[in-house]
Amino acid sequence: MSLFSHHRSDTSIGIDIGTTSVKAAVLQRTLGGSFKLVNYGLIESVGSMEHFNNAIQSSSSRALDSDLVSYLKFLSQKLKLSAHTPAFASLPSFTAYTTLLEVPVMDKRQMGAVISEKAGVYVPVPLNSVTLDWIVLGTKKIGDQVVQEILLVSIPTEKIESYVKIFEAAGLRLAGYEIETISLARALGRNEEKPVLVMDIGGRSSSFVVTKKGLALFSGQTDFSSGSLTQALATGLNISLARADMLKRRTQIIGGAGEHELSTILIPIIDVIITEADRIRKGFEAAFGESVAGVLLAGSGANMPGFADYLTKKMGLPVQTSNALQSLHYPSELEPFVAELGTTLPTAIGVALKGFF
């Protein structure tokens, strides 16, 4: 099964298997060719708050297959998912190796051989242990030569085989998969004519991707996350993780009277996340010769009070909170929840959209 396989259908299920939660989005193609969110679901891992190390998967631990099967079965039951509807899964960025390649313009047959040869240089593990694929990002001129810019993606074959078995055990048909940054770019960057940096501040890791016109152009990841902020508050103030999470959600990054102590705990970790985001921005600008025009915030840390303003000050870029539902139709009863869903579901929506392209 190709990493970037295409399965045409009028309905598509997107499954975002993260570090502390599993999210699902069910999309339908309308008669007019647009897309509608017809259902969604989210399940948090048991004990993910009070037991910081109890993640579904992380860069230092493997996913627990039995747990994932249970979570997917639960979502499938609640959302009444059909085994006949194609499902598409996102994989965390830390499971994959990605790199940018420049190759001469050539046909697909030649490109496959050239990229396989180059992959042996850039992929830091034996090629027989990974599944390779690539996306053509565009062309650029270097001197008198026109070259194609290629995003090379390699995912451990063991990981893919594990996902296939998990979905089969859960009664779902896995039709395709991709890394989460590609899904994020598709969900949030389809209408962006200029490059924007998406920062997905998750529960146990944060992902970054520069996107334009829905393509994932340059990406990265760090283990510093929303959960890191919660852990720091809990340790620094000697309080429970649940109490720390509540404080984090209502504390201004630049604290006023009575919040200075909290700010001094939060800011060093936030600055580490911003430093990594800025590294991705500069890496993109050096590789592509274009400037990032702005920042879109997603994930559980996107709505921290004052975060957008602080980020604008630190990076000198306009910052907005993402809204993955902006270009979708959805039931009117979801209107009160759009702001939250817009930052929670981008990856699930993005990988569901894969089924239509």
Protein backbone atom coordinates (compact mmCIF):
# COMPACT_ATOMS: atom_id res chain seq x y z
CA MET A 1 0.00 0.00 0.00
CA SER A 2 1.49 3.33 -1.04
CA LEU A 3 2.03 6.00 1.55
CA PHE A 4 0.25 8.46 -0.72
CA SER A 5 -2.36 6.11 -2.16
CA HIS A 6 -5.64 7.51 -3.47
CA HIS A 7 -9.07 5.93 -2.94
CA ARG A 8 -12.03 7.78 -4.47
CA SER A 9 -15.17 7.82 -2.35
CA ASP A 10 -17.94 10.21 -1.41
CA THR A 11 -17.19 9.65 2.29
CA SER A 12 -13.83 9.55 4.03
CA ILE A 13 -12.78 8.87 7.63
CA GLY A 14 -9.72 10.64 9.01
CA ILE A 15 -8.06 9.22 12.12
CA ASP A 16 -5.48 11.28 14.00
CA ILE A 17 -3.58 9.00 16.37
CA GLY A 18 -1.71 11.40 18.61
CA THR A 19 0.36 11.11 21.75
CA THR A 20 -2.49 11.38 24.28
CA SER A 21 -5.66 11.15 22.18
CA VAL A 22 -7.28 9.65 19.11
CA LYS A 23 -9.45 11.95 17.00
CA ALA A 24 -11.75 11.10 14.12
CA ALA A 25 -13.40 13.25 11.45
CA VAL A 26 -15.93 11.96 8.92
CA LEU A 27 -16.20 14.04 5.75
CA GLN A 28 -18.56 13.82 2.79
CA ARG A 29 -18.17 15.32 -0.66
CA THR A 30 -21.20 17.47 -1.55
CA LEU A 31 -22.85 17.65 -4.96
CA GLY A 32 -21.15 20.99 -5.53
CA GLY A 33 -17.72 19.47 -4.95
CA SER A 34 -17.13 20.98 -1.51
CA PHE A 35 -16.80 19.00 1.72
CA LYS A 36 -18.95 18.60 4.82
CA LEU A 37 -18.01 17.51 8.32
CA VAL A 38 -20.77 15.03 9.14
CA ASN A 39 -19.36 13.60 12.37
CA TYR A 40 -16.35 13.70 14.65
CA GLY A 41 -15.08 12.13 17.84
CA LEU A 42 -12.23 12.35 20.32
CA ILE A 43 -11.03 10.00 23.03
CA GLU A 44 -8.28 10.77 25.56
CA SER A 45 -5.96 8.06 26.82
CA VAL A 46 -6.78 6.83 30.31
CA GLY A 47 -4.69 8.62 32.92
CA SER A 48 -3.00 10.96 30.45
CA MET A 49 -3.44 13.85 32.85
CA GLU A 50 -2.49 12.38 36.21
CA HIS A 51 0.20 10.07 34.80
CA PHE A 52 2.39 12.18 32.55
CA ASN A 53 4.23 9.21 31.07
CA ASN A 54 1.00 7.42 30.16
CA ALA A 55 0.97 8.51 26.53
CA ILE A 56 -0.54 6.53 23.66
CA GLN A 57 2.80 6.88 21.89
CA SER A 58 5.75 9.24 22.04
CA SER A 59 9.15 9.69 20.44
CA SER A 60 10.61 7.43 23.15
CA SER A 61 7.86 4.79 23.40
CA ARG A 62 5.85 2.56 21.11
CA ALA A 63 2.11 2.70 20.73
CA LEU A 64 0.22 0.07 22.72
CA ASP A 65 -1.61 -1.85 19.99
CA SER A 66 -4.31 -3.25 22.29
CA ASP A 67 -5.12 0.23 23.60
CA LEU A 68 -5.34 1.68 20.10
CA VAL A 69 -7.66 -1.11 18.98
CA SER A 70 -9.93 -0.38 21.96
CA TYR A 71 -9.97 3.36 21.24
CA LEU A 72 -10.73 2.84 17.55
CA LYS A 73 -13.50 0.35 18.31
CA PHE A 74 -15.03 2.82 20.76
CA LEU A 75 -14.96 5.66 18.21
CA SER A 76 -16.28 3.36 15.49
CA GLN A 77 -19.23 2.38 17.68
CA LYS A 78 -20.08 5.91 18.76
CA LEU A 79 -19.75 7.40 15.26
CA LYS A 80 -21.36 4.38 13.55
CA LEU A 81 -18.42 4.02 11.19
CA SER A 82 -18.70 1.52 8.36
CA ALA A 83 -16.02 -1.02 7.54
CA HIS A 84 -16.74 -0.24 3.88
CA THR A 85 -15.84 3.45 4.19
CA PRO A 86 -12.15 4.15 3.53
CA ALA A 87 -10.23 5.32 6.59
CA PHE A 88 -7.01 7.30 6.46
CA ALA A 89 -4.57 7.58 9.35
CA SER A 90 -2.01 10.19 10.30
CA LEU A 91 1.25 9.19 11.94
CA PRO A 92 3.12 11.45 14.39
CA SER A 93 6.04 13.35 12.87
CA PHE A 94 8.54 11.62 15.14
CA THR A 95 7.78 8.26 13.52
CA ALA A 96 9.14 9.39 10.14
CA TYR A 97 12.24 10.77 8.48
CA THR A 98 11.74 13.61 6.00
CA THR A 99 14.20 15.52 3.89
CA LEU A 100 14.21 17.88 0.92
CA LEU A 101 15.85 16.74 -2.30
CA GLU A 102 16.61 18.57 -5.53
CA VAL A 103 16.64 16.45 -8.69
CA PRO A 104 16.66 17.32 -12.40
CA VAL A 105 13.29 17.41 -14.13
CA MET A 106 12.53 13.88 -15.34
CA ASP A 107 9.68 11.42 -15.80
CA LYS A 108 8.29 9.37 -12.92
CA ARG A 109 10.09 6.15 -13.86
CA GLN A 110 13.48 7.82 -13.84
CA MET A 111 12.64 9.73 -10.68
CA GLY A 112 11.92 6.57 -8.73
CA ALA A 113 15.38 5.20 -9.42
CA VAL A 114 17.13 8.51 -8.69
CA ILE A 115 15.27 9.09 -5.43
CA SER A 116 15.88 5.53 -4.23
CA GLU A 117 19.59 6.07 -4.81
CA LYS A 118 19.60 9.41 -2.96
CA ALA A 119 17.53 7.96 -0.12
CA GLY A 120 20.44 5.70 0.78
CA VAL A 121 22.44 8.82 1.59
CA TYR A 122 19.79 10.78 3.49
CA VAL A 123 17.76 8.15 5.37
CA PRO A 124 19.64 7.28 8.59
CA VAL A 125 18.42 3.67 8.80
CA PRO A 126 18.64 0.67 6.43
CA LEU A 127 16.35 1.21 3.44
CA ASN A 128 14.99 -2.33 3.72
CA SER A 129 13.42 -1.33 7.06
CA VAL A 130 11.41 1.64 5.77
CA THR A 131 8.70 2.46 3.24
CA LEU A 132 9.65 5.35 0.96
CA ASP A 133 7.53 7.84 -0.91
CA TRP A 134 7.84 11.41 -2.05
CA ILE A 135 5.91 14.51 -3.05
CA VAL A 136 6.90 16.90 -5.83
CA LEU A 137 6.74 20.36 -4.27
CA GLY A 138 7.57 22.39 -7.37
CA THR A 139 10.50 23.52 -9.47
CA LYS A 140 13.16 26.19 -9.19
CA LYS A 141 16.02 27.44 -11.32
CA ILE A 142 19.62 26.98 -10.21
CA GLY A 143 21.86 28.73 -12.70
CA ASP A 144 20.83 27.46 -16.12
CA GLN A 145 19.24 24.28 -14.77
CA VAL A 146 15.64 23.75 -13.66
CA VAL A 147 15.35 21.28 -10.78
CA GLN A 148 12.41 19.68 -9.01
CA GLU A 149 12.07 20.07 -5.25
CA ILE A 150 11.07 16.78 -3.65
CA LEU A 151 9.88 16.01 -0.13
CA LEU A 152 11.20 12.53 0.65
CA VAL A 153 9.33 10.65 3.39
CA SER A 154 10.40 7.38 4.96
CA ILE A 155 8.39 5.55 7.61
CA PRO A 156 9.46 2.35 9.37
CA THR A 157 7.69 -0.52 7.63
CA GLU A 158 7.11 -2.10 11.03
CA LYS A 159 5.05 0.96 12.02
CA ILE A 160 2.90 0.74 8.90
CA GLU A 161 2.31 -2.99 9.35
CA SER A 162 1.30 -2.33 12.96
CA TYR A 163 -1.28 0.27 11.87
CA VAL A 164 -2.72 -2.08 9.25
CA LYS A 165 -3.22 -4.79 11.88
CA ILE A 166 -4.68 -2.33 14.40
CA PHE A 167 -7.27 -1.02 11.93
CA GLU A 168 -8.19 -4.55 10.84
CA ALA A 169 -8.68 -5.59 14.47
CA ALA A 170 -10.87 -2.51 15.01
CA GLY A 171 -13.04 -3.38 12.00
CA LEU A 172 -11.92 -0.43 9.88
CA ARG A 173 -10.50 -0.38 6.35
CA LEU A 174 -7.19 1.46 6.29
CA ALA A 175 -6.95 2.92 2.79
CA GLY A 176 -3.96 5.21 3.29
CA TYR A 177 -1.70 6.97 5.74
CA GLU A 178 0.70 9.89 5.95
CA ILE A 179 2.63 11.89 8.53
CA GLU A 180 0.65 14.49 10.45
CA THR A 181 2.43 17.53 9.03
CA ILE A 182 1.17 16.64 5.55
CA SER A 183 -2.38 16.37 6.94
CA LEU A 184 -2.01 19.71 8.77
CA ALA A 185 -0.83 21.41 5.59
CA ARG A 186 -3.77 20.06 3.60
CA ALA A 187 -6.32 21.13 6.21
CA LEU A 188 -4.96 24.59 6.98
CA GLY A 189 -2.90 25.63 3.96
CA ARG A 190 -5.13 24.86 0.96
CA ASN A 191 -6.19 28.49 0.59
CA GLU A 192 -2.85 30.05 1.52
CA GLU A 193 -1.16 31.74 -1.43
CA LYS A 194 1.85 32.74 0.69
CA PRO A 195 3.85 30.47 3.00
CA VAL A 196 2.51 30.19 6.56
CA LEU A 197 3.98 28.36 9.53
CA VAL A 198 1.56 26.01 11.31
CA MET A 199 2.45 25.35 14.96
CA ASP A 200 0.56 22.35 16.37
CA ILE A 201 1.13 22.44 20.14
CA GLY A 202 0.07 18.96 21.19
CA GLY A 203 -0.21 17.11 24.48
CA ARG A 204 3.19 15.39 24.38
CA SER A 205 4.91 16.87 21.32
CA SER A 206 4.69 19.88 19.03
CA SER A 207 4.83 19.78 15.23
CA PHE A 208 5.70 22.57 12.83
CA VAL A 209 5.10 22.78 9.09
CA VAL A 210 5.46 25.57 6.56
CA THR A 211 2.68 25.26 4.02
CA LYS A 212 1.45 26.99 0.90
CA LYS A 213 -1.44 25.86 -1.31
CA GLY A 214 -1.86 22.80 0.90
CA LEU A 215 1.65 21.41 0.45
CA ALA A 216 3.92 20.54 3.38
CA LEU A 217 7.08 22.35 2.35
CA PHE A 218 9.29 22.24 5.45
CA SER A 219 8.62 20.63 8.82
CA GLY A 220 9.98 19.71 12.22
CA GLN A 221 9.03 18.46 15.68
CA THR A 222 9.95 18.85 19.35
CA ASP A 223 9.02 16.96 22.50
CA PHE A 224 8.32 20.26 24.29
CA SER A 225 4.57 20.67 24.32
CA SER A 226 1.43 21.76 26.11
CA GLY A 227 2.00 18.84 28.48
CA SER A 228 5.49 20.14 29.27
CA LEU A 229 3.91 23.38 30.49
CA THR A 230 1.46 21.47 32.68
CA GLN A 231 4.26 19.34 34.12
CA ALA A 232 6.41 22.41 34.85
CA LEU A 233 3.58 24.15 36.71
CA ALA A 234 2.77 21.01 38.70
CA THR A 235 6.41 20.57 39.73
CA GLY A 236 7.13 24.24 40.35
CA LEU A 237 4.02 24.85 42.45
CA ASN A 238 3.80 21.34 43.97
CA ILE A 239 0.22 20.85 42.77
CA SER A 240 -1.62 18.11 40.88
CA LEU A 241 -1.37 17.90 37.09
CA ALA A 242 -5.12 18.52 36.82
CA ARG A 243 -4.82 21.72 38.85
CA ALA A 244 -1.74 22.76 36.85
CA ASP A 245 -3.58 22.22 33.56
CA MET A 246 -6.45 24.41 34.75
CA LEU A 247 -4.03 27.20 35.74
CA LYS A 248 -2.26 26.96 32.38
CA ARG A 249 -5.53 27.40 30.50
CA ARG A 250 -6.41 30.62 32.33
CA THR A 251 -3.01 32.22 32.99
CA GLN A 252 -1.75 35.02 30.76
CA ILE A 253 1.68 34.25 29.32
CA ILE A 254 2.87 37.68 30.41
CA GLY A 255 1.32 37.65 33.86
CA GLY A 256 -0.09 40.64 35.62
CA ALA A 257 -0.44 41.08 39.35
CA GLY A 258 -0.53 37.71 41.07
CA GLU A 259 0.53 35.77 37.95
CA HIS A 260 4.22 36.64 37.79
CA GLU A 261 5.33 33.36 39.40
CA LEU A 262 3.30 31.34 36.90
CA SER A 263 4.73 33.29 33.98
CA THR A 264 8.31 32.70 35.10
CA ILE A 265 7.61 28.95 35.05
CA LEU A 266 5.85 28.93 31.67
CA ILE A 267 7.97 31.31 29.60
CA PRO A 268 11.24 29.29 29.47
CA ILE A 269 9.40 26.29 27.99
CA ILE A 270 7.35 28.44 25.63
CA ASP A 271 10.58 30.07 24.45
CA VAL A 272 12.05 26.63 23.64
CA ILE A 273 8.98 25.84 21.49
CA ILE A 274 9.25 29.23 19.76
CA THR A 275 12.98 28.73 19.15
CA GLU A 276 12.24 25.46 17.34
CA ALA A 277 9.45 27.11 15.34
CA ASP A 278 11.82 29.91 14.34
CA ARG A 279 14.42 27.33 13.29
CA ILE A 280 11.86 25.77 10.96
CA ARG A 281 10.94 29.18 9.57
CA LYS A 282 14.57 30.08 8.88
CA GLY A 283 15.26 26.65 7.40
CA PHE A 284 12.35 27.06 5.00
CA GLU A 285 13.37 30.57 4.00
CA ALA A 286 16.95 29.44 3.32
CA ALA A 287 15.82 26.42 1.29
CA PHE A 288 13.05 28.07 -0.73
CA GLY A 289 14.06 31.72 -0.90
CA GLU A 290 10.62 32.86 0.29
CA SER A 291 9.54 34.55 3.51
CA VAL A 292 6.99 33.08 5.90
CA ALA A 293 4.01 35.46 5.95
CA GLY A 294 2.38 34.43 9.23
CA VAL A 295 1.70 31.78 11.85
CA LEU A 296 -1.33 29.54 12.43
CA LEU A 297 -1.77 27.98 15.87
CA ALA A 298 -3.33 24.54 16.33
CA GLY A 299 -3.48 21.85 18.98
CA SER A 300 -4.27 21.79 22.68
CA GLY A 301 -1.90 24.68 23.41
CA ALA A 302 -3.26 27.00 20.71
CA ASN A 303 -5.70 28.81 22.97
CA MET A 304 -3.43 29.59 25.91
CA PRO A 305 -4.23 33.16 27.00
CA GLY A 306 -1.75 35.64 25.57
CA PHE A 307 0.17 33.02 23.56
CA ALA A 308 -0.64 34.54 20.16
CA ASP A 309 0.39 38.03 21.29
CA TYR A 310 3.59 36.74 22.87
CA LEU A 311 4.41 34.77 19.72
CA THR A 312 3.83 37.84 17.53
CA LYS A 313 6.25 39.82 19.70
CA LYS A 314 8.93 37.11 19.66
CA MET A 315 8.75 36.16 15.97
CA GLY A 316 7.63 39.45 14.44
CA LEU A 317 4.88 37.75 12.43
CA PRO A 318 1.08 37.99 12.48
CA VAL A 319 -0.37 35.07 14.43
CA GLN A 320 -3.86 33.58 14.12
CA THR A 321 -5.63 30.64 15.72
CA SER A 322 -6.37 27.99 13.11
CA ASN A 323 -9.87 27.06 12.00
CA ALA A 324 -9.87 23.77 10.12
CA LEU A 325 -13.66 24.05 9.64
CA GLN A 326 -13.41 27.36 7.81
CA SER A 327 -13.61 25.83 4.33
CA LEU A 328 -16.04 23.04 5.29
CA HIS A 329 -19.80 22.81 5.61
CA TYR A 330 -20.97 21.53 8.99
CA PRO A 331 -24.25 21.15 10.93
CA SER A 332 -25.49 24.42 12.43
CA GLU A 333 -25.58 22.89 15.92
CA LEU A 334 -21.76 22.77 15.84
CA GLU A 335 -21.49 26.57 15.58
CA PRO A 336 -20.84 27.12 19.34
CA PHE A 337 -17.94 24.64 19.18
CA VAL A 338 -16.27 25.77 15.95
CA ALA A 339 -13.48 27.73 17.66
CA GLU A 340 -12.45 24.71 19.72
CA LEU A 341 -12.89 22.15 16.93
CA GLY A 342 -10.97 24.37 14.53
CA THR A 343 -7.80 23.90 16.59
CA THR A 344 -8.53 20.32 17.73
CA LEU A 345 -9.39 18.57 14.45
CA PRO A 346 -7.00 19.90 11.76
CA THR A 347 -4.98 16.70 11.45
CA ALA A 348 -8.04 14.42 11.40
CA ILE A 349 -9.74 16.67 8.83
CA GLY A 350 -6.58 16.93 6.75
CA VAL A 351 -6.02 13.18 6.54
CA ALA A 352 -9.74 12.63 5.79
CA LEU A 353 -9.39 15.06 2.86
CA LYS A 354 -6.68 12.74 1.51
CA GLY A 355 -9.48 10.41 0.45
CA PHE A 356 -10.80 12.96 -2.05
CA PHE A 357 -7.57 13.88 -3.83
